[in-house]
PDB file of N, CA and C in Angstrom:
ATOM      1  N   MET A   1      95.990  69.247  38.455  1.00  0.00           N
ATOM      2  CA  MET A   1      96.474  67.984  39.080  1.00  0.00           C
ATOM      3  C   MET A   1      95.766  66.603  38.233  1.00  0.00           C
ATOM      4  N   PHE A   2      94.273  66.722  38.010  1.00  0.00           N
ATOM      5  CA  PHE A   2      93.837  65.421  37.336  1.00  0.00           C
ATOM      6  C   PHE A   2      94.362  65.549  35.780  1.00  0.00           C
ATOM      7  N   GLU A   3      94.546  66.810  35.273  1.00  0.00           N
ATOM      8  CA  GLU A   3      95.088  66.707  33.917  1.00  0.00           C
ATOM      9  C   GLU A   3      96.373  66.099  33.896  1.00  0.00           C
ATOM     10  N   LYS A   4      97.316  66.319  34.549  1.00  0.00           N
ATOM     11  CA  LYS A   4      98.809  65.769  34.770  1.00  0.00           C
ATOM     12  C   LYS A   4      98.650  64.485  34.866  1.00  0.00           C
ATOM     13  N   MET A   5      97.797  63.698  35.992  1.00  0.00           N
ATOM     14  CA  MET A   5      97.731  62.285  36.260  1.00  0.00           C
ATOM     15  C   MET A   5      97.082  61.708  34.709  1.00  0.00           C
ATOM     16  N   SER A   6      96.098  62.329  34.163  1.00  0.00           N
ATOM     17  CA  SER A   6      95.473  61.599  33.003  1.00  0.00           C
ATOM     18  C   SER A   6      96.606  61.757  31.893  1.00  0.00           C
ATOM     19  N   GLN A   7      97.235  62.818  31.730  1.00  0.00           N
ATOM     20  CA  GLN A   7      98.399  62.590  30.779  1.00  0.00           C
ATOM     21  C   GLN A   7      99.607  61.406  30.937  1.00  0.00           C
ATOM     22  N   HIS A   8      99.945  61.199  32.420  1.00  0.00           N
ATOM     23  CA  HIS A   8     100.861  60.240  32.499  1.00  0.00           C
ATOM     24  C   HIS A   8     100.081  58.977  32.486  1.00  0.00           C
ATOM     25  N   THR A   9      99.190  58.921  32.898  1.00  0.00           N
ATOM     26  CA  THR A   9      98.450  57.662  32.838  1.00  0.00           C
ATOM     27  C   THR A   9      98.429  57.155  31.238  1.00  0.00           C
ATOM     28  N   ASP A  10      98.101  58.127  30.208  1.00  0.00           N
ATOM     29  CA  ASP A  10      98.196  57.802  28.921  1.00  0.00           C
ATOM     30  C   ASP A  10      99.722  57.432  28.615  1.00  0.00           C
ATOM     31  N   LEU A  11     100.751  58.282  28.835  1.00  0.00           N
ATOM     32  CA  LEU A  11     102.015  57.910  28.589  1.00  0.00           C
ATOM     33  C   LEU A  11     102.469  56.485  29.102  1.00  0.00           C
ATOM     34  N   VAL A  12     102.054  55.968  30.478  1.00  0.00           N
ATOM     35  CA  VAL A  12     102.333  54.719  30.864  1.00  0.00           C
ATOM     36  C   VAL A  12     101.712  53.706  30.187  1.00  0.00           C
ATOM     37  N   THR A  13     100.401  53.940  29.827  1.00  0.00           N
ATOM     38  CA  THR A  13      99.769  53.018  28.863  1.00  0.00           C
ATOM     39  C   THR A  13     100.370  52.736  27.500  1.00  0.00           C
ATOM     40  N   GLY A  14     100.462  54.077  26.928  1.00  0.00           N
ATOM     41  CA  GLY A  14     101.210  54.170  25.790  1.00  0.00           C
ATOM     42  C   GLY A  14     102.460  53.108  25.496  1.00  0.00           C
ATOM     43  N   MET A  15     103.405  53.445  26.618  1.00  0.00           N
ATOM     44  CA  MET A  15     104.767  52.804  26.431  1.00  0.00           C
ATOM     45  C   MET A  15     104.494  51.337  26.894  1.00  0.00           C
ATOM     46  N   SER A  16     103.606  51.202  27.611  1.00  0.00           N
ATOM     47  CA  SER A  16     103.431  49.699  28.081  1.00  0.00           C
ATOM     48  C   SER A  16     103.111  48.804  26.690  1.00  0.00           C
ATOM     49  N   LYS A  17     102.248  49.238  26.022  1.00  0.00           N
ATOM     50  CA  LYS A  17     101.641  48.723  24.781  1.00  0.00           C
ATOM     51  C   LYS A  17     102.872  48.569  23.700  1.00  0.00           C
ATOM     52  N   ARG A  18     103.899  49.618  23.676  1.00  0.00           N
ATOM     53  CA  ARG A  18     104.645  49.685  22.649  1.00  0.00           C
ATOM     54  C   ARG A  18     105.983  48.629  23.087  1.00  0.00           C
ATOM     55  N   VAL A  19     106.029  48.274  24.310  1.00  0.00           N
ATOM     56  CA  VAL A  19     106.938  47.180  24.751  1.00  0.00           C
ATOM     57  C   VAL A  19     106.240  45.767  25.113  1.00  0.00           C
ATOM     58  N   GLY A  20     105.149  45.845  25.004  1.00  0.00           N
ATOM     59  CA  GLY A  20     104.271  44.508  25.069  1.00  0.00           C
ATOM     60  C   GLY A  20     103.766  44.259  26.377  1.00  0.00           C
ATOM     61  N   VAL A  21     103.626  45.061  26.909  1.00  0.00           N
ATOM     62  CA  VAL A  21     102.785  44.705  28.280  1.00  0.00           C
ATOM     63  C   VAL A  21     101.628  45.210  28.437  1.00  0.00           C
ATOM     64  N   ASP A  22     100.456  44.299  28.734  1.00  0.00           N
ATOM     65  CA  ASP A  22      99.216  44.772  28.592  1.00  0.00           C
ATOM     66  C   ASP A  22      98.810  44.784  29.954  1.00  0.00           C
ATOM     67  N   TRP A  23      98.641  46.054  30.371  1.00  0.00           N
ATOM     68  CA  TRP A  23      98.235  46.153  32.106  1.00  0.00           C
ATOM     69  C   TRP A  23      96.834  45.534  32.317  1.00  0.00           C
ATOM     70  N   GLU A  24      95.797  45.706  31.150  1.00  0.00           N
ATOM     71  CA  GLU A  24      94.566  45.128  31.664  1.00  0.00           C
ATOM     72  C   GLU A  24      94.602  43.673  31.703  1.00  0.00           C
ATOM     73  N   GLU A  25      95.299  42.969  30.752  1.00  0.00           N
ATOM     74  CA  GLU A  25      95.459  41.400  31.095  1.00  0.00           C
ATOM     75  C   GLU A  25      96.169  41.016  32.106  1.00  0.00           C
ATOM     76  N   VAL A  26      97.228  41.898  32.741  1.00  0.00           N
ATOM     77  CA  VAL A  26      97.753  41.821  33.870  1.00  0.00           C
ATOM     78  C   VAL A  26      96.908  42.012  35.218  1.00  0.00           C
ATOM     79  N   ILE A  27      96.471  42.837  35.122  1.00  0.00           N
ATOM     80  CA  ILE A  27      95.552  43.194  36.369  1.00  0.00           C
ATOM     81  C   ILE A  27      94.396  42.026  36.298  1.00  0.00           C
ATOM     82  N   MET A  28      93.900  41.699  35.462  1.00  0.00           N
ATOM     83  CA  MET A  28      92.819  40.509  35.348  1.00  0.00           C
ATOM     84  C   MET A  28      93.181  39.436  35.819  1.00  0.00           C
ATOM     85  N   ALA A  29      94.394  39.160  35.691  1.00  0.00           N
ATOM     86  CA  ALA A  29      95.131  37.932  35.884  1.00  0.00           C
ATOM     87  C   ALA A  29      95.566  37.940  37.363  1.00  0.00           C
ATOM     88  N   ASN A  30      95.862  39.161  37.814  1.00  0.00           N
ATOM     89  CA  ASN A  30      96.401  39.337  39.286  1.00  0.00           C
ATOM     90  C   ASN A  30      95.988  40.777  39.758  1.00  0.00           C
ATOM     91  N   PRO A  31      94.657  40.923  40.307  1.00  0.00           N
ATOM     92  CA  PRO A  31      94.284  42.421  40.786  1.00  0.00           C
ATOM     93  C   PRO A  31      95.416  43.203  41.601  1.00  0.00           C
ATOM     94  N   GLU A  32      96.305  42.448  42.243  1.00  0.00           N
ATOM     95  CA  GLU A  32      97.113  43.029  43.239  1.00  0.00           C
ATOM     96  C   GLU A  32      97.951  43.931  42.470  1.00  0.00           C
ATOM     97  N   LYS A  33      98.250  43.524  40.997  1.00  0.00           N
ATOM     98  CA  LYS A  33      99.221  44.299  40.010  1.00  0.00           C
ATOM     99  C   LYS A  33      98.607  45.737  39.867  1.00  0.00           C
ATOM    100  N   ALA A  34      97.383  46.015  40.117  1.00  0.00           N
ATOM    101  CA  ALA A  34      96.843  47.384  39.902  1.00  0.00           C
ATOM    102  C   ALA A  34      97.566  48.371  40.768  1.00  0.00           C
ATOM    103  N   LYS A  35      98.227  47.898  42.033  1.00  0.00           N
ATOM    104  CA  LYS A  35      99.121  48.743  42.758  1.00  0.00           C
ATOM    105  C   LYS A  35     100.464  49.134  42.040  1.00  0.00           C
ATOM    106  N   GLU A  36     100.812  48.244  41.261  1.00  0.00           N
ATOM    107  CA  GLU A  36     102.099  48.613  40.463  1.00  0.00           C
ATOM    108  C   GLU A  36     101.873  49.414  39.437  1.00  0.00           C
ATOM    109  N   TYR A  37     100.702  49.331  38.966  1.00  0.00           N
ATOM    110  CA  TYR A  37     100.190  50.304  37.998  1.00  0.00           C
ATOM    111  C   TYR A  37     100.006  51.635  38.146  1.00  0.00           C
ATOM    112  N   ARG A  38      99.415  51.820  39.464  1.00  0.00           N
ATOM    113  CA  ARG A  38      99.304  53.149  39.944  1.00  0.00           C
ATOM    114  C   ARG A  38     100.738  53.726  40.427  1.00  0.00           C
ATOM    115  N   SER A  39     101.341  52.662  40.651  1.00  0.00           N
ATOM    116  CA  SER A  39     102.977  53.319  41.119  1.00  0.00           C
ATOM    117  C   SER A  39     103.730  53.608  39.969  1.00  0.00           C
ATOM    118  N   ALA A  40     103.621  52.975  38.905  1.00  0.00           N
ATOM    119  CA  ALA A  40     104.121  53.362  37.313  1.00  0.00           C
ATOM    120  C   ALA A  40     103.559  54.844  36.963  1.00  0.00           C
ATOM    121  N   VAL A  41     102.329  54.878  37.303  1.00  0.00           N
ATOM    122  CA  VAL A  41     101.917  56.287  36.926  1.00  0.00           C
ATOM    123  C   VAL A  41     102.633  57.248  37.767  1.00  0.00           C
ATOM    124  N   MET A  42     102.407  57.121  38.962  1.00  0.00           N
ATOM    125  CA  MET A  42     103.072  58.118  39.911  1.00  0.00           C
ATOM    126  C   MET A  42     104.609  58.074  39.791  1.00  0.00           C
ATOM    127  N   GLN A  43     105.216  56.987  39.282  1.00  0.00           N
ATOM    128  CA  GLN A  43     106.860  57.373  39.048  1.00  0.00           C
ATOM    129  C   GLN A  43     106.881  58.349  37.570  1.00  0.00           C
ATOM    130  N   CYS A  44     106.004  58.090  36.660  1.00  0.00           N
ATOM    131  CA  CYS A  44     106.302  58.856  35.400  1.00  0.00           C
ATOM    132  C   CYS A  44     105.882  60.085  35.874  1.00  0.00           C
ATOM    133  N   THR A  45     105.035  60.600  36.780  1.00  0.00           N
ATOM    134  CA  THR A  45     105.179  61.986  36.883  1.00  0.00           C
ATOM    135  C   THR A  45     106.132  62.810  37.266  1.00  0.00           C
ATOM    136  N   LYS A  46     107.295  62.003  37.828  1.00  0.00           N
ATOM    137  CA  LYS A  46     108.496  62.514  38.295  1.00  0.00           C
ATOM    138  C   LYS A  46     109.408  62.656  36.976  1.00  0.00           C
ATOM    139  N   CYS A  47     109.129  62.440  35.880  1.00  0.00           N
ATOM    140  CA  CYS A  47     110.106  62.047  34.761  1.00  0.00           C
ATOM    141  C   CYS A  47     110.245  63.746  34.223  1.00  0.00           C
ATOM    142  N   LYS A  48     111.620  64.035  33.682  1.00  0.00           N
ATOM    143  CA  LYS A  48     111.774  65.069  33.157  1.00  0.00           C
ATOM    144  C   LYS A  48     112.079  65.272  31.633  1.00  0.00           C
ATOM    145  N   GLU A  49     111.729  64.102  30.948  1.00  0.00           N
ATOM    146  CA  GLU A  49     111.582  63.742  29.606  1.00  0.00           C
ATOM    147  C   GLU A  49     110.283  63.777  28.852  1.00  0.00           C
ATOM    148  N   LEU A  50     109.467  64.241  29.315  1.00  0.00           N
ATOM    149  CA  LEU A  50     107.875  64.180  28.727  1.00  0.00           C
ATOM    150  C   LEU A  50     108.060  64.234  27.304  1.00  0.00           C
ATOM    151  N   GLY A  51     108.554  65.112  26.778  1.00  0.00           N
ATOM    152  CA  GLY A  51     108.637  65.596  25.455  1.00  0.00           C
ATOM    153  C   GLY A  51     109.334  64.550  24.616  1.00  0.00           C
ATOM    154  N   ALA A  52     110.328  64.213  25.149  1.00  0.00           N
ATOM    155  CA  ALA A  52     111.004  63.210  24.584  1.00  0.00           C
ATOM    156  C   ALA A  52     110.246  61.601  24.313  1.00  0.00           C
ATOM    157  N   CYS A  53     109.587  61.388  25.527  1.00  0.00           N
ATOM    158  CA  CYS A  53     108.623  60.197  25.987  1.00  0.00           C
ATOM    159  C   CYS A  53     107.402  60.163  24.635  1.00  0.00           C
ATOM    160  N   GLN A  54     106.591  61.580  24.631  1.00  0.00           N
ATOM    161  CA  GLN A  54     105.581  61.752  23.554  1.00  0.00           C
ATOM    162  C   GLN A  54     106.254  61.509  22.220  1.00  0.00           C
ATOM    163  N   LYS A  55     107.409  61.887  21.876  1.00  0.00           N
ATOM    164  CA  LYS A  55     108.028  61.870  20.533  1.00  0.00           C
ATOM    165  C   LYS A  55     108.323  60.371  20.209  1.00  0.00           C
ATOM    166  N   PHE A  56     109.111  59.777  21.420  1.00  0.00           N
ATOM    167  CA  PHE A  56     109.117  58.357  21.289  1.00  0.00           C
ATOM    168  C   PHE A  56     107.938  57.371  20.914  1.00  0.00           C
ATOM    169  N   GLN A  57     106.894  57.727  21.539  1.00  0.00           N
ATOM    170  CA  GLN A  57     105.525  57.044  21.209  1.00  0.00           C
ATOM    171  C   GLN A  57     105.117  57.569  19.599  1.00  0.00           C
ATOM    172  N   GLU A  58     105.104  58.660  19.543  1.00  0.00           N
ATOM    173  CA  GLU A  58     104.492  59.181  18.224  1.00  0.00           C
ATOM    174  C   GLU A  58     105.400  58.472  17.084  1.00  0.00           C
ATOM    175  N   LEU A  59     106.888  58.084  17.055  1.00  0.00           N
ATOM    176  CA  LEU A  59     107.305  57.648  16.165  1.00  0.00           C
ATOM    177  C   LEU A  59     107.597  55.937  16.346  1.00  0.00           C
ATOM    178  N   ASN A  60     107.167  55.523  17.277  1.00  0.00           N
ATOM    179  CA  ASN A  60     107.386  54.012  17.367  1.00  0.00           C
ATOM    180  C   ASN A  60     105.969  53.269  17.745  1.00  0.00           C
ATOM    181  N   ASP A  61     105.504  52.433  16.887  1.00  0.00           N
ATOM    182  CA  ASP A  61     104.267  51.526  17.398  1.00  0.00           C
ATOM    183  C   ASP A  61     104.788  50.608  18.252  1.00  0.00           C
ATOM    184  N   SER A  62     105.619  49.816  18.203  1.00  0.00           N
ATOM    185  CA  SER A  62     106.408  49.046  19.090  1.00  0.00           C
ATOM    186  C   SER A  62     107.626  49.148  19.404  1.00  0.00           C
ATOM    187  N   ALA A  63     108.291  48.448  20.421  1.00  0.00           N
ATOM    188  CA  ALA A  63     109.640  48.918  20.911  1.00  0.00           C
ATOM    189  C   ALA A  63     110.115  47.441  21.569  1.00  0.00           C
ATOM    190  N   ALA A  64     111.415  46.963  21.552  1.00  0.00           N
ATOM    191  CA  ALA A  64     111.953  45.937  22.431  1.00  0.00           C
ATOM    192  C   ALA A  64     112.082  46.596  23.728  1.00  0.00           C
ATOM    193  N   ASN A  65     112.332  47.638  24.154  1.00  0.00           N
ATOM    194  CA  ASN A  65     112.450  48.277  25.385  1.00  0.00           C
ATOM    195  C   ASN A  65     112.114  49.644  25.325  1.00  0.00           C
ATOM    196  N   ALA A  66     111.626  50.122  26.499  1.00  0.00           N
ATOM    197  CA  ALA A  66     111.272  51.559  26.907  1.00  0.00           C
ATOM    198  C   ALA A  66     112.653  52.141  26.814  1.00  0.00           C
ATOM    199  N   PRO A  67     112.862  53.396  26.484  1.00  0.00           N
ATOM    200  CA  PRO A  67     114.001  54.187  26.550  1.00  0.00           C
ATOM    201  C   PRO A  67     114.818  54.186  27.888  1.00  0.00           C
ATOM    202  N   ASP A  68     115.995  54.247  28.034  1.00  0.00           N
ATOM    203  CA  ASP A  68     116.596  54.554  29.009  1.00  0.00           C
ATOM    204  C   ASP A  68     116.223  55.293  30.083  1.00  0.00           C
ATOM    205  N   TYR A  69     115.824  56.662  29.689  1.00  0.00           N
ATOM    206  CA  TYR A  69     115.345  57.635  30.455  1.00  0.00           C
ATOM    207  C   TYR A  69     113.994  57.583  31.009  1.00  0.00           C
ATOM    208  N   CYS A  70     113.403  56.336  30.690  1.00  0.00           N
ATOM    209  CA  CYS A  70     111.947  56.116  31.112  1.00  0.00           C
ATOM    210  C   CYS A  70     111.828  55.761  32.410  1.00  0.00           C
ATOM    211  N   MET A  71     111.243  56.477  33.601  1.00  0.00           N
ATOM    212  CA  MET A  71     111.193  56.307  34.975  1.00  0.00           C
ATOM    213  C   MET A  71     110.839  54.869  35.023  1.00  0.00           C
ATOM    214  N   ASN A  72     110.251  53.961  34.303  1.00  0.00           N
ATOM    215  CA  ASN A  72     109.645  52.704  34.531  1.00  0.00           C
ATOM    216  C   ASN A  72     110.403  51.869  33.665  1.00  0.00           C
ATOM    217  N   VAL A  73     111.596  52.083  33.086  1.00  0.00           N
ATOM    218  CA  VAL A  73     112.207  51.240  32.316  1.00  0.00           C
ATOM    219  C   VAL A  73     112.512  49.876  32.865  1.00  0.00           C
ATOM    220  N   GLU A  74     112.836  49.550  34.110  1.00  0.00           N
ATOM    221  CA  GLU A  74     113.100  48.315  34.974  1.00  0.00           C
ATOM    222  C   GLU A  74     111.780  47.683  35.098  1.00  0.00           C
ATOM    223  N   LEU A  75     110.772  48.310  35.510  1.00  0.00           N
ATOM    224  CA  LEU A  75     109.589  47.488  35.533  1.00  0.00           C
ATOM    225  C   LEU A  75     109.081  46.847  34.160  1.00  0.00           C
ATOM    226  N   PHE A  76     109.114  47.699  33.229  1.00  0.00           N
ATOM    227  CA  PHE A  76     108.841  47.133  32.012  1.00  0.00           C
ATOM    228  C   PHE A  76     109.622  45.773  31.503  1.00  0.00           C
ATOM    229  N   LYS A  77     110.736  45.912  31.712  1.00  0.00           N
ATOM    230  CA  LYS A  77     111.842  44.944  31.552  1.00  0.00           C
ATOM    231  C   LYS A  77     111.466  43.525  32.611  1.00  0.00           C
ATOM    232  N   GLU A  78     111.016  43.796  33.730  1.00  0.00           N
ATOM    233  CA  GLU A  78     110.635  42.820  34.632  1.00  0.00           C
ATOM    234  C   GLU A  78     109.430  42.041  34.089  1.00  0.00           C
ATOM    235  N   MET A  79     108.337  43.061  33.821  1.00  0.00           N
ATOM    236  CA  MET A  79     107.190  42.233  33.261  1.00  0.00           C
ATOM    237  C   MET A  79     107.154  41.917  31.864  1.00  0.00           C
ATOM    238  N   GLN A  80     107.949  42.018  31.050  1.00  0.00           N
ATOM    239  CA  GLN A  80     108.297  41.555  29.980  1.00  0.00           C
ATOM    240  C   GLN A  80     108.907  40.149  29.904  1.00  0.00           C
ATOM    241  N   GLN A  81     109.710  39.858  31.016  1.00  0.00           N
ATOM    242  CA  GLN A  81     110.181  38.492  31.282  1.00  0.00           C
ATOM    243  C   GLN A  81     109.153  37.621  32.240  1.00  0.00           C
ATOM    244  N   GLY A  82     108.327  38.286  32.964  1.00  0.00           N
ATOM    245  CA  GLY A  82     107.402  37.612  33.509  1.00  0.00           C
ATOM    246  C   GLY A  82     106.081  37.093  32.954  1.00  0.00           C
TER     247      GLY A  82
END
């Protein structure tokens, strides 16, 4: 279980960086956002596209948006706007 959580934490952090969302900065500015980060990680654990996500991150240092299959694509879009 801890390995799975660690893996998905890395995927959420990696995807966030690629789409320009800096969780560390967001949480420092508003500690309540830590709950959103935890929720994003938990949402990521439900994803069926783990391999595609890993490949996307390997091939892209940055991206305008997360791929449509991403369980957090809408959250990332909201955060990019806010």
